[in-house]
C-alpha cells in the first residue's frame, strides 16, 4: 500500500536539505555559506487504524494522517469516511 492518506490524500513530498559551511558570525567567523542542496524525502505522518463506525456496526481499517484523525474526531467517522468514498 502506498504512503498516502486515504482521507486527505496527502502523500510523500520531495524537497531539499541545505548544506552550509563556515563559522557563524556570532562565533567570530565570516558567516555561513550555502555549498550544496541535497535531495530529501518528506514522509507524511501516517497511522494505520481500525475505526469503529456505529452507523454500520462494524470496524473499518484505514491508513490516515494525524491531521485526518483529528478531522475524523471532529466530524464523525461515518461522515468523514463516506465523504472520502471509503464506505
PDB file of N, CA and C in Angstrom:
ATOM      1  N   UNK A   1       0.840  -1.179   0.000  1.00  0.00           N
ATOM      2  CA  UNK A   1       0.000   0.000   0.000  1.00  0.00           C
ATOM      3  C   UNK A   1       0.890   1.249   0.000  1.00  0.00           C
ATOM      4  N   UNK A   2       0.490   2.262  -0.734  1.00  0.00           N
ATOM      5  CA  UNK A   2       1.288   3.476  -0.865  1.00  0.00           C
ATOM      6  C   UNK A   2       1.267   4.293   0.421  1.00  0.00           C
ATOM      7  N   UNK A   3       2.236   5.194   0.536  1.00  0.00           N
ATOM      8  CA  UNK A   3       2.292   6.079   1.689  1.00  0.00           C
ATOM      9  C   UNK A   3       1.414   7.302   1.430  1.00  0.00           C
ATOM     10  N   UNK A   4       0.106   7.071   1.378  1.00  0.00           N
ATOM     11  CA  UNK A   4      -0.858   8.128   1.088  1.00  0.00           C
ATOM     12  C   UNK A   4      -2.022   7.999   2.066  1.00  0.00           C
ATOM     13  N   UNK A   5      -2.462   9.143   2.602  1.00  0.00           N
ATOM     14  CA  UNK A   5      -3.622   9.160   3.489  1.00  0.00           C
ATOM     15  C   UNK A   5      -4.874   8.906   2.666  1.00  0.00           C
ATOM     16  N   UNK A   6      -5.740   8.020   3.142  1.00  0.00           N
ATOM     17  CA  UNK A   6      -6.938   7.653   2.398  1.00  0.00           C
ATOM     18  C   UNK A   6      -8.034   8.709   2.504  1.00  0.00           C
ATOM     19  N   UNK A   7      -7.931   9.627   3.443  1.00  0.00           N
ATOM     20  CA  UNK A   7      -8.954  10.663   3.608  1.00  0.00           C
ATOM     21  C   UNK A   7      -8.507  11.979   2.976  1.00  0.00           C
ATOM     22  N   UNK A   8      -7.336  12.474   3.350  1.00  0.00           N
ATOM     23  CA  UNK A   8      -6.885  13.776   2.844  1.00  0.00           C
ATOM     24  C   UNK A   8      -6.110  13.666   1.546  1.00  0.00           C
ATOM     25  N   UNK A   9      -5.556  12.497   1.259  1.00  0.00           N
ATOM     26  CA  UNK A   9      -4.793  12.319   0.026  1.00  0.00           C
ATOM     27  C   UNK A   9      -3.361  12.808   0.108  1.00  0.00           C
ATOM     28  N   UNK A  10      -2.927  13.222   1.297  1.00  0.00           N
ATOM     29  CA  UNK A  10      -1.558  13.712   1.456  1.00  0.00           C
ATOM     30  C   UNK A  10      -0.582  12.550   1.292  1.00  0.00           C
ATOM     31  N   UNK A  11       0.507  12.795   0.604  1.00  0.00           N
ATOM     32  CA  UNK A  11       1.483  11.741   0.334  1.00  0.00           C
ATOM     33  C   UNK A  11       2.901  12.219   0.558  1.00  0.00           C
ATOM     34  N   UNK A  12       3.841  11.514  -0.036  1.00  0.00           N
ATOM     35  CA  UNK A  12       5.249  11.836   0.094  1.00  0.00           C
ATOM     36  C   UNK A  12       5.557  13.096  -0.714  1.00  0.00           C
ATOM     37  N   UNK A  13       6.304  14.025  -0.102  1.00  0.00           N
ATOM     38  CA  UNK A  13       6.766  15.207  -0.822  1.00  0.00           C
ATOM     39  C   UNK A  13       8.278  15.188  -0.890  1.00  0.00           C
ATOM     40  N   UNK A  14       8.801  15.875  -1.878  1.00  0.00           N
ATOM     41  CA  UNK A  14      10.235  15.943  -2.042  1.00  0.00           C
ATOM     42  C   UNK A  14      10.694  17.380  -1.827  1.00  0.00           C
ATOM     43  N   UNK A  15      11.893  17.496  -1.272  1.00  0.00           N
ATOM     44  CA  UNK A  15      12.433  18.818  -1.006  1.00  0.00           C
ATOM     45  C   UNK A  15      13.945  18.761  -1.007  1.00  0.00           C
ATOM     46  N   UNK A  16      14.546  19.744  -0.362  1.00  0.00           N
ATOM     47  CA  UNK A  16      15.998  19.829  -0.296  1.00  0.00           C
ATOM     48  C   UNK A  16      16.442  20.075   1.136  1.00  0.00           C
ATOM     49  N   UNK A  17      17.592  19.525   1.449  1.00  0.00           N
ATOM     50  CA  UNK A  17      18.291  19.817   2.696  1.00  0.00           C
ATOM     51  C   UNK A  17      19.485  20.658   2.297  1.00  0.00           C
ATOM     52  N   UNK A  18      19.676  21.802   2.940  1.00  0.00           N
ATOM     53  CA  UNK A  18      20.736  22.721   2.537  1.00  0.00           C
ATOM     54  C   UNK A  18      21.989  22.461   3.371  1.00  0.00           C
ATOM     55  N   UNK A  19      23.115  22.185   2.691  1.00  0.00           N
ATOM     56  CA  UNK A  19      24.402  22.041   3.365  1.00  0.00           C
ATOM     57  C   UNK A  19      25.033  23.420   3.493  1.00  0.00           C
ATOM     58  N   UNK A  20      25.500  23.737   4.679  1.00  0.00           N
ATOM     59  CA  UNK A  20      26.164  25.017   4.910  1.00  0.00           C
ATOM     60  C   UNK A  20      27.554  24.758   5.463  1.00  0.00           C
ATOM     61  N   UNK A  21      28.479  25.640   5.133  1.00  0.00           N
ATOM     62  CA  UNK A  21      29.823  25.525   5.693  1.00  0.00           C
ATOM     63  C   UNK A  21      30.250  26.884   6.220  1.00  0.00           C
ATOM     64  N   UNK A  22      31.239  26.877   7.062  1.00  0.00           N
ATOM     65  CA  UNK A  22      31.754  28.120   7.625  1.00  0.00           C
ATOM     66  C   UNK A  22      31.372  28.266   9.080  1.00  0.00           C
ATOM     67  N   UNK A  23      31.915  29.299   9.670  1.00  0.00           N
ATOM     68  CA  UNK A  23      31.679  29.582  11.086  1.00  0.00           C
ATOM     69  C   UNK A  23      30.711  30.761  11.196  1.00  0.00           C
ATOM     70  N   UNK A  24      29.736  30.658  12.092  1.00  0.00           N
ATOM     71  CA  UNK A  24      28.730  31.704  12.252  1.00  0.00           C
ATOM     72  C   UNK A  24      29.369  33.010  12.694  1.00  0.00           C
ATOM     73  N   UNK A  25      28.771  34.132  12.295  1.00  0.00           N
ATOM     74  CA  UNK A  25      29.311  35.455  12.630  1.00  0.00           C
ATOM     75  C   UNK A  25      29.360  35.676  14.139  1.00  0.00           C
ATOM     76  N   UNK A  26      28.310  35.198  14.834  1.00  0.00           N
ATOM     77  CA  UNK A  26      28.294  35.416  16.285  1.00  0.00           C
ATOM     78  C   UNK A  26      29.329  34.569  17.012  1.00  0.00           C
ATOM     79  N   UNK A  27      29.923  33.613  16.297  1.00  0.00           N
ATOM     80  CA  UNK A  27      31.001  32.808  16.879  1.00  0.00           C
ATOM     81  C   UNK A  27      32.372  33.301  16.407  1.00  0.00           C
ATOM     82  N   UNK A  28      32.403  34.452  15.731  1.00  0.00           N
ATOM     83  CA  UNK A  28      33.672  35.030  15.316  1.00  0.00           C
ATOM     84  C   UNK A  28      34.081  34.705  13.891  1.00  0.00           C
ATOM     85  N   UNK A  29      33.206  34.065  13.119  1.00  0.00           N
ATOM     86  CA  UNK A  29      33.528  33.724  11.738  1.00  0.00           C
ATOM     87  C   UNK A  29      33.050  34.774  10.752  1.00  0.00           C
ATOM     88  N   UNK A  30      33.120  34.461   9.485  1.00  0.00           N
ATOM     89  CA  UNK A  30      32.674  35.399   8.449  1.00  0.00           C
ATOM     90  C   UNK A  30      31.271  35.057   7.949  1.00  0.00           C
ATOM     91  N   UNK A  31      30.642  34.086   8.546  1.00  0.00           N
ATOM     92  CA  UNK A  31      29.269  33.746   8.209  1.00  0.00           C
ATOM     93  C   UNK A  31      29.152  32.409   7.506  1.00  0.00           C
ATOM     94  N   UNK A  32      27.980  31.842   7.581  1.00  0.00           N
ATOM     95  CA  UNK A  32      27.706  30.555   6.939  1.00  0.00           C
ATOM     96  C   UNK A  32      27.429  30.758   5.459  1.00  0.00           C
ATOM     97  N   UNK A  33      27.846  29.802   4.639  1.00  0.00           N
ATOM     98  CA  UNK A  33      27.609  29.871   3.205  1.00  0.00           C
ATOM     99  C   UNK A  33      26.974  28.568   2.729  1.00  0.00           C
ATOM    100  N   UNK A  34      26.014  28.684   1.827  1.00  0.00           N
ATOM    101  CA  UNK A  34      25.369  27.512   1.249  1.00  0.00           C
ATOM    102  C   UNK A  34      26.331  26.901   0.234  1.00  0.00           C
ATOM    103  N   UNK A  35      26.618  25.611   0.397  1.00  0.00           N
ATOM    104  CA  UNK A  35      27.540  24.946  -0.515  1.00  0.00           C
ATOM    105  C   UNK A  35      26.852  23.944  -1.416  1.00  0.00           C
ATOM    106  N   UNK A  36      25.707  23.413  -0.978  1.00  0.00           N
ATOM    107  CA  UNK A  36      25.057  22.358  -1.745  1.00  0.00           C
ATOM    108  C   UNK A  36      23.611  22.219  -1.310  1.00  0.00           C
ATOM    109  N   UNK A  37      22.753  21.795  -2.253  1.00  0.00           N
ATOM    110  CA  UNK A  37      21.384  21.405  -1.931  1.00  0.00           C
ATOM    111  C   UNK A  37      21.261  19.914  -2.193  1.00  0.00           C
ATOM    112  N   UNK A  38      20.892  19.158  -1.146  1.00  0.00           N
ATOM    113  CA  UNK A  38      20.803  17.708  -1.235  1.00  0.00           C
ATOM    114  C   UNK A  38      19.335  17.307  -1.224  1.00  0.00           C
ATOM    115  N   UNK A  39      18.938  16.425  -2.135  1.00  0.00           N
ATOM    116  CA  UNK A  39      17.550  15.979  -2.209  1.00  0.00           C
ATOM    117  C   UNK A  39      17.185  15.186  -0.962  1.00  0.00           C
ATOM    118  N   UNK A  40      15.937  15.338  -0.537  1.00  0.00           N
ATOM    119  CA  UNK A  40      15.426  14.581   0.594  1.00  0.00           C
ATOM    120  C   UNK A  40      13.955  14.267   0.370  1.00  0.00           C
ATOM    121  N   UNK A  41      13.454  13.291   1.137  1.00  0.00           N
ATOM    122  CA  UNK A  41      12.064  12.862   1.051  1.00  0.00           C
ATOM    123  C   UNK A  41      11.379  13.193   2.370  1.00  0.00           C
ATOM    124  N   UNK A  42      10.228  13.847   2.299  1.00  0.00           N
ATOM    125  CA  UNK A  42       9.463  14.203   3.487  1.00  0.00           C
ATOM    126  C   UNK A  42       8.246  13.283   3.532  1.00  0.00           C
ATOM    127  N   UNK A  43       8.194  12.413   4.534  1.00  0.00           N
ATOM    128  CA  UNK A  43       7.134  11.417   4.647  1.00  0.00           C
ATOM    129  C   UNK A  43       5.962  11.969   5.461  1.00  0.00           C
ATOM    130  N   UNK A  44       4.726  11.619   5.100  1.00  0.00           N
ATOM    131  CA  UNK A  44       3.574  12.065   5.884  1.00  0.00           C
ATOM    132  C   UNK A  44       3.491  11.294   7.201  1.00  0.00           C
ATOM    133  N   UNK A  45       2.807  11.889   8.167  1.00  0.00           N
ATOM    134  CA  UNK A  45       2.645  11.287   9.485  1.00  0.00           C
ATOM    135  C   UNK A  45       1.441  10.341   9.440  1.00  0.00           C
ATOM    136  N   UNK A  46       1.668   9.098   8.963  1.00  0.00           N
ATOM    137  CA  UNK A  46       0.574   8.152   8.734  1.00  0.00           C
ATOM    138  C   UNK A  46       0.383   7.186   9.898  1.00  0.00           C
ATOM    139  N   UNK A  47      -0.862   6.785  10.083  1.00  0.00           N
ATOM    140  CA  UNK A  47      -1.242   5.813  11.100  1.00  0.00           C
ATOM    141  C   UNK A  47      -2.181   4.795  10.457  1.00  0.00           C
ATOM    142  N   UNK A  48      -2.028   3.524  10.792  1.00  0.00           N
ATOM    143  CA  UNK A  48      -2.988   2.505  10.381  1.00  0.00           C
ATOM    144  C   UNK A  48      -3.945   2.296  11.546  1.00  0.00           C
ATOM    145  N   UNK A  49      -5.227   2.503  11.309  1.00  0.00           N
ATOM    146  CA  UNK A  49      -6.214   2.467  12.387  1.00  0.00           C
ATOM    147  C   UNK A  49      -7.415   1.617  12.007  1.00  0.00           C
ATOM    148  N   UNK A  50      -8.032   1.037  13.031  1.00  0.00           N
ATOM    149  CA  UNK A  50      -9.351   0.416  12.903  1.00  0.00           C
ATOM    150  C   UNK A  50     -10.342   1.391  13.514  1.00  0.00           C
ATOM    151  N   UNK A  51     -11.215   1.935  12.693  1.00  0.00           N
ATOM    152  CA  UNK A  51     -12.180   2.940  13.147  1.00  0.00           C
ATOM    153  C   UNK A  51     -13.540   2.278  13.303  1.00  0.00           C
ATOM    154  N   UNK A  52     -14.140   2.447  14.482  1.00  0.00           N
ATOM    155  CA  UNK A  52     -15.485   1.921  14.727  1.00  0.00           C
ATOM    156  C   UNK A  52     -16.509   2.890  14.134  1.00  0.00           C
ATOM    157  N   UNK A  53     -17.382   2.368  13.281  1.00  0.00           N
ATOM    158  CA  UNK A  53     -18.447   3.175  12.676  1.00  0.00           C
ATOM    159  C   UNK A  53     -19.773   2.681  13.253  1.00  0.00           C
ATOM    160  N   UNK A  54     -20.356   3.445  14.191  1.00  0.00           N
ATOM    161  CA  UNK A  54     -21.587   2.984  14.848  1.00  0.00           C
ATOM    162  C   UNK A  54     -22.770   2.811  13.893  1.00  0.00           C
ATOM    163  N   UNK A  55     -22.846   3.656  12.838  1.00  0.00           N
ATOM    164  CA  UNK A  55     -23.961   3.559  11.893  1.00  0.00           C
ATOM    165  C   UNK A  55     -23.954   2.242  11.132  1.00  0.00           C
ATOM    166  N   UNK A  56     -22.747   1.709  10.875  1.00  0.00           N
ATOM    167  CA  UNK A  56     -22.624   0.426  10.175  1.00  0.00           C
ATOM    168  C   UNK A  56     -22.521  -0.743  11.142  1.00  0.00           C
ATOM    169  N   UNK A  57     -22.147  -0.454  12.390  1.00  0.00           N
ATOM    170  CA  UNK A  57     -21.974  -1.513  13.387  1.00  0.00           C
ATOM    171  C   UNK A  57     -20.759  -2.380  13.140  1.00  0.00           C
ATOM    172  N   UNK A  58     -19.704  -1.808  12.558  1.00  0.00           N
ATOM    173  CA  UNK A  58     -18.501  -2.581  12.284  1.00  0.00           C
ATOM    174  C   UNK A  58     -17.274  -1.674  12.258  1.00  0.00           C
ATOM    175  N   UNK A  59     -16.085  -2.306  12.273  1.00  0.00           N
ATOM    176  CA  UNK A  59     -14.826  -1.589  12.165  1.00  0.00           C
ATOM    177  C   UNK A  59     -14.456  -1.415  10.694  1.00  0.00           C
ATOM    178  N   UNK A  60     -13.777  -0.315  10.389  1.00  0.00           N
ATOM    179  CA  UNK A  60     -13.230  -0.069   9.061  1.00  0.00           C
ATOM    180  C   UNK A  60     -11.731   0.197   9.246  1.00  0.00           C
ATOM    181  N   UNK A  61     -10.910  -0.539   8.492  1.00  0.00           N
ATOM    182  CA  UNK A  61      -9.459  -0.373   8.596  1.00  0.00           C
ATOM    183  C   UNK A  61      -8.993   0.654   7.569  1.00  0.00           C
ATOM    184  N   UNK A  62      -8.336   1.715   8.047  1.00  0.00           N
ATOM    185  CA  UNK A  62      -7.883   2.794   7.166  1.00  0.00           C
ATOM    186  C   UNK A  62      -6.454   3.195   7.513  1.00  0.00           C
ATOM    187  N   UNK A  63      -5.771   3.773   6.515  1.00  0.00           N
ATOM    188  CA  UNK A  63      -4.454   4.360   6.724  1.00  0.00           C
ATOM    189  C   UNK A  63      -4.632   5.861   6.570  1.00  0.00           C
ATOM    190  N   UNK A  64      -4.423   6.609   7.667  1.00  0.00           N
ATOM    191  CA  UNK A  64      -4.670   8.036   7.615  1.00  0.00           C
ATOM    192  C   UNK A  64      -3.603   8.828   8.345  1.00  0.00           C
ATOM    193  N   UNK A  65      -3.538  10.114   8.014  1.00  0.00           N
ATOM    194  CA  UNK A  65      -2.556  11.006   8.630  1.00  0.00           C
ATOM    195  C   UNK A  65      -3.093  11.485   9.979  1.00  0.00           C
ATOM    196  N   UNK A  66      -2.211  12.068  10.761  1.00  0.00           N
ATOM    197  CA  UNK A  66      -2.609  12.591  12.064  1.00  0.00           C
ATOM    198  C   UNK A  66      -3.636  13.710  11.899  1.00  0.00           C
ATOM    199  N   UNK A  67      -3.491  14.513  10.858  1.00  0.00           N
ATOM    200  CA  UNK A  67      -4.443  15.580  10.577  1.00  0.00           C
ATOM    201  C   UNK A  67      -5.826  14.990  10.252  1.00  0.00           C
ATOM    202  N   UNK A  68      -5.867  13.921   9.477  1.00  0.00           N
ATOM    203  CA  UNK A  68      -7.139  13.279   9.125  1.00  0.00           C
ATOM    204  C   UNK A  68      -7.792  12.656  10.361  1.00  0.00           C
ATOM    205  N   UNK A  69      -6.981  12.178  11.290  1.00  0.00           N
ATOM    206  CA  UNK A  69      -7.510  11.600  12.531  1.00  0.00           C
ATOM    207  C   UNK A  69      -8.241  12.669  13.344  1.00  0.00           C
ATOM    208  N   UNK A  70      -7.684  13.890  13.350  1.00  0.00           N
ATOM    209  CA  UNK A  70      -8.344  14.999  14.039  1.00  0.00           C
ATOM    210  C   UNK A  70      -9.644  15.373  13.332  1.00  0.00           C
ATOM    211  N   UNK A  71      -9.638  15.350  12.019  1.00  0.00           N
ATOM    212  CA  UNK A  71     -10.837  15.635  11.233  1.00  0.00           C
ATOM    213  C   UNK A  71     -11.907  14.596  11.514  1.00  0.00           C
ATOM    214  N   UNK A  72     -11.485  13.336  11.626  1.00  0.00           N
ATOM    215  CA  UNK A  72     -12.402  12.235  11.911  1.00  0.00           C
ATOM    216  C   UNK A  72     -13.051  12.418  13.278  1.00  0.00           C
ATOM    217  N   UNK A  73     -12.274  12.852  14.270  1.00  0.00           N
ATOM    218  CA  UNK A  73     -12.810  13.105  15.610  1.00  0.00           C
ATOM    219  C   UNK A  73     -13.811  14.258  15.595  1.00  0.00           C
ATOM    220  N   UNK A  74     -13.507  15.279  14.804  1.00  0.00           N
ATOM    221  CA  UNK A  74     -14.346  16.471  14.775  1.00  0.00           C
ATOM    222  C   UNK A  74     -15.672  16.233  14.054  1.00  0.00           C
ATOM    223  N   UNK A  75     -15.618  15.619  12.874  1.00  0.00           N
ATOM    224  CA  UNK A  75     -16.812  15.489  12.038  1.00  0.00           C
ATOM    225  C   UNK A  75     -17.547  14.162  12.202  1.00  0.00           C
ATOM    226  N   UNK A  76     -16.921  13.188  12.837  1.00  0.00           N
ATOM    227  CA  UNK A  76     -17.536  11.881  12.998  1.00  0.00           C
ATOM    228  C   UNK A  76     -17.038  10.908  11.948  1.00  0.00           C
ATOM    229  N   UNK A  77     -17.014   9.630  12.318  1.00  0.00           N
ATOM    230  CA  UNK A  77     -16.441   8.596  11.463  1.00  0.00           C
ATOM    231  C   UNK A  77     -17.253   8.396  10.184  1.00  0.00           C
ATOM    232  N   UNK A  78     -18.555   8.273  10.303  1.00  0.00           N
ATOM    233  CA  UNK A  78     -19.384   7.945   9.146  1.00  0.00           C
ATOM    234  C   UNK A  78     -19.326   9.037   8.083  1.00  0.00           C
ATOM    235  N   UNK A  79     -19.477  10.302   8.507  1.00  0.00           N
ATOM    236  CA  UNK A  79     -19.492  11.423   7.558  1.00  0.00           C
ATOM    237  C   UNK A  79     -18.150  11.555   6.850  1.00  0.00           C
ATOM    238  N   UNK A  80     -17.055  11.452   7.604  1.00  0.00           N
ATOM    239  CA  UNK A  80     -15.718  11.626   7.023  1.00  0.00           C
ATOM    240  C   UNK A  80     -15.382  10.493   6.063  1.00  0.00           C
ATOM    241  N   UNK A  81     -15.644   9.247   6.473  1.00  0.00           N
ATOM    242  CA  UNK A  81     -15.316   8.103   5.619  1.00  0.00           C
ATOM    243  C   UNK A  81     -16.210   8.070   4.377  1.00  0.00           C
ATOM    244  N   UNK A  82     -17.464   8.466   4.527  1.00  0.00           N
ATOM    245  CA  UNK A  82     -18.360   8.496   3.367  1.00  0.00           C
ATOM    246  C   UNK A  82     -17.930   9.573   2.382  1.00  0.00           C
ATOM    247  N   UNK A  83     -17.499  10.720   2.891  1.00  0.00           N
ATOM    248  CA  UNK A  83     -17.021  11.804   2.034  1.00  0.00           C
ATOM    249  C   UNK A  83     -15.759  11.428   1.263  1.00  0.00           C
ATOM    250  N   UNK A  84     -14.930  10.563   1.866  1.00  0.00           N
ATOM    251  CA  UNK A  84     -13.699  10.104   1.202  1.00  0.00           C
ATOM    252  C   UNK A  84     -13.964   8.930   0.279  1.00  0.00           C
ATOM    253  N   UNK A  85     -15.174   8.375   0.306  1.00  0.00           N
ATOM    254  CA  UNK A  85     -15.533   7.265  -0.561  1.00  0.00           C
ATOM    255  C   UNK A  85     -15.025   5.909  -0.071  1.00  0.00           C
ATOM    256  N   UNK A  86     -14.809   5.792   1.231  1.00  0.00           N
ATOM    257  CA  UNK A  86     -14.301   4.543   1.798  1.00  0.00           C
ATOM    258  C   UNK A  86     -15.425   3.613   2.240  1.00  0.00           C
ATOM    259  N   UNK A  87     -16.613   4.151   2.447  1.00  0.00           N
ATOM    260  CA  UNK A  87     -17.777   3.297   2.805  1.00  0.00           C
ATOM    261  C   UNK A  87     -18.975   3.698   1.964  1.00  0.00           C
TER     262      UNK A  87
END
